[in-house]
Amino acid sequence: MSEAEPSRLASWRQSVIDFFVRAADLLGMPRSYGEIYGLLYSSETPLQLSEVVELLGISKGSASQGLRALRQ
C-alpha cells in the first residue's frame, strides 16, 4: 500500500467513505462508486487499482468499473 495504513481503514477514513456511500445512494449510483470516491477523496496520494481492491475488499472488476465510471 502506498499509505502506511493497516488493512482496516482508519475510523475517520471510514466515516468519509460512509458519507460518499450515502451520497451515491441518494443519486441512485452503486454503493461501490461511493466507496471508491470516498477512499480516493480521503487519500493523500494516488492509489493503484490493486490498492483500491485491497483497502475496500471489493472485486477487481467492480473497482475497475467504478473507477471508469467516476472518471467519466
C-alpha atoms as a PDB file:
ATOM      1  CA  MET A   1       0.000   0.000   0.000  1.00  0.00           C
ATOM      2  CA  SER A   2       1.238   3.465  -0.767  1.00  0.00           C
ATOM      3  CA  GLU A   3      -0.109   4.771   2.503  1.00  0.00           C
ATOM      4  CA  ALA A   4       1.144   3.194   5.705  1.00  0.00           C
ATOM      5  CA  GLU A   5      -2.311   2.079   6.805  1.00  0.00           C
ATOM      6  CA  PRO A   6      -3.328  -1.321   8.119  1.00  0.00           C
ATOM      7  CA  SER A   7      -5.751  -3.450   6.120  1.00  0.00           C
ATOM      8  CA  ARG A   8      -8.578  -1.997   8.203  1.00  0.00           C
ATOM      9  CA  LEU A   9      -9.345   1.591   7.336  1.00  0.00           C
ATOM     10  CA  ALA A  10      -8.876   4.275   9.966  1.00  0.00           C
ATOM     11  CA  SER A  11     -12.180   5.328  11.541  1.00  0.00           C
ATOM     12  CA  TRP A  12     -12.014   8.870  10.105  1.00  0.00           C
ATOM     13  CA  ARG A  13     -11.452   7.470   6.639  1.00  0.00           C
ATOM     14  CA  GLN A  14     -14.338   5.024   7.049  1.00  0.00           C
ATOM     15  CA  SER A  15     -16.557   7.960   8.028  1.00  0.00           C
ATOM     16  CA  VAL A  16     -15.618   9.783   4.813  1.00  0.00           C
ATOM     17  CA  ILE A  17     -16.357   6.664   2.776  1.00  0.00           C
ATOM     18  CA  ASP A  18     -19.719   6.217   4.530  1.00  0.00           C
ATOM     19  CA  PHE A  19     -20.628   9.818   3.654  1.00  0.00           C
ATOM     20  CA  PHE A  20     -19.945   9.205  -0.039  1.00  0.00           C
ATOM     21  CA  VAL A  21     -21.801   5.870   0.035  1.00  0.00           C
ATOM     22  CA  ARG A  22     -24.898   7.697   1.322  1.00  0.00           C
ATOM     23  CA  ALA A  23     -24.465  10.378  -1.370  1.00  0.00           C
ATOM     24  CA  ALA A  24     -24.149   7.718  -4.090  1.00  0.00           C
ATOM     25  CA  ASP A  25     -27.313   6.058  -2.798  1.00  0.00           C
ATOM     26  CA  LEU A  26     -29.222   9.351  -2.952  1.00  0.00           C
ATOM     27  CA  LEU A  27     -28.057   9.809  -6.556  1.00  0.00           C
ATOM     28  CA  GLY A  28     -29.033   6.256  -7.488  1.00  0.00           C
ATOM     29  CA  MET A  29     -25.442   5.184  -8.039  1.00  0.00           C
ATOM     30  CA  PRO A  30     -23.940   1.850  -6.954  1.00  0.00           C
ATOM     31  CA  ARG A  31     -22.503   1.620  -3.445  1.00  0.00           C
ATOM     32  CA  SER A  32     -19.066   0.775  -4.832  1.00  0.00           C
ATOM     33  CA  TYR A  33     -18.910   4.155  -6.601  1.00  0.00           C
ATOM     34  CA  GLY A  34     -19.371   5.910  -3.267  1.00  0.00           C
ATOM     35  CA  GLU A  35     -16.824   3.665  -1.577  1.00  0.00           C
ATOM     36  CA  ILE A  36     -14.232   4.275  -4.265  1.00  0.00           C
ATOM     37  CA  TYR A  37     -14.826   8.012  -4.399  1.00  0.00           C
ATOM     38  CA  GLY A  38     -14.672   8.299  -0.606  1.00  0.00           C
ATOM     39  CA  LEU A  39     -11.447   6.302  -0.487  1.00  0.00           C
ATOM     40  CA  LEU A  40      -9.810   8.408  -3.187  1.00  0.00           C
ATOM     41  CA  TYR A  41     -11.100  11.655  -1.659  1.00  0.00           C
ATOM     42  CA  SER A  42      -9.588  10.768   1.713  1.00  0.00           C
ATOM     43  CA  SER A  43      -6.276   9.670   0.234  1.00  0.00           C
ATOM     44  CA  GLU A  44      -3.254  11.953   0.334  1.00  0.00           C
ATOM     45  CA  THR A  45      -1.659  10.150  -2.605  1.00  0.00           C
ATOM     46  CA  PRO A  46      -2.988   8.484  -5.759  1.00  0.00           C
ATOM     47  CA  LEU A  47      -3.950   4.838  -5.357  1.00  0.00           C
ATOM     48  CA  GLN A  48      -3.463   1.967  -7.756  1.00  0.00           C
ATOM     49  CA  LEU A  49      -6.327  -0.310  -8.715  1.00  0.00           C
ATOM     50  CA  SER A  50      -4.871  -3.110  -6.589  1.00  0.00           C
ATOM     51  CA  GLU A  51      -4.796  -0.816  -3.549  1.00  0.00           C
ATOM     52  CA  VAL A  52      -8.446   0.161  -4.017  1.00  0.00           C
ATOM     53  CA  VAL A  53      -9.367  -3.537  -4.250  1.00  0.00           C
ATOM     54  CA  GLU A  54      -7.377  -4.406  -1.121  1.00  0.00           C
ATOM     55  CA  LEU A  55      -8.490  -1.483   1.035  1.00  0.00           C
ATOM     56  CA  LEU A  56     -12.189  -1.780   0.200  1.00  0.00           C
ATOM     57  CA  GLY A  57     -12.361  -5.546  -0.117  1.00  0.00           C
ATOM     58  CA  ILE A  58     -14.157  -5.346  -3.462  1.00  0.00           C
ATOM     59  CA  SER A  59     -13.538  -7.309  -6.645  1.00  0.00           C
ATOM     60  CA  LYS A  60     -11.106  -6.100  -9.264  1.00  0.00           C
ATOM     61  CA  GLY A  61     -13.951  -5.923 -11.792  1.00  0.00           C
ATOM     62  CA  SER A  62     -16.099  -3.800  -9.501  1.00  0.00           C
ATOM     63  CA  ALA A  63     -13.199  -1.478  -8.756  1.00  0.00           C
ATOM     64  CA  SER A  64     -12.305  -1.170 -12.440  1.00  0.00           C
ATOM     65  CA  GLN A  65     -15.893  -0.432 -13.452  1.00  0.00           C
ATOM     66  CA  GLY A  66     -16.309   2.080 -10.612  1.00  0.00           C
ATOM     67  CA  LEU A  67     -13.087   3.912 -11.427  1.00  0.00           C
ATOM     68  CA  ARG A  68     -14.003   4.074 -15.101  1.00  0.00           C
ATOM     69  CA  ALA A  69     -17.478   5.465 -14.316  1.00  0.00           C
ATOM     70  CA  LEU A  70     -16.134   8.042 -11.871  1.00  0.00           C
ATOM     71  CA  ARG A  71     -13.509   9.176 -14.343  1.00  0.00           C
ATOM     72  CA  GLN A  72     -16.188   9.900 -16.922  1.00  0.00           C
END
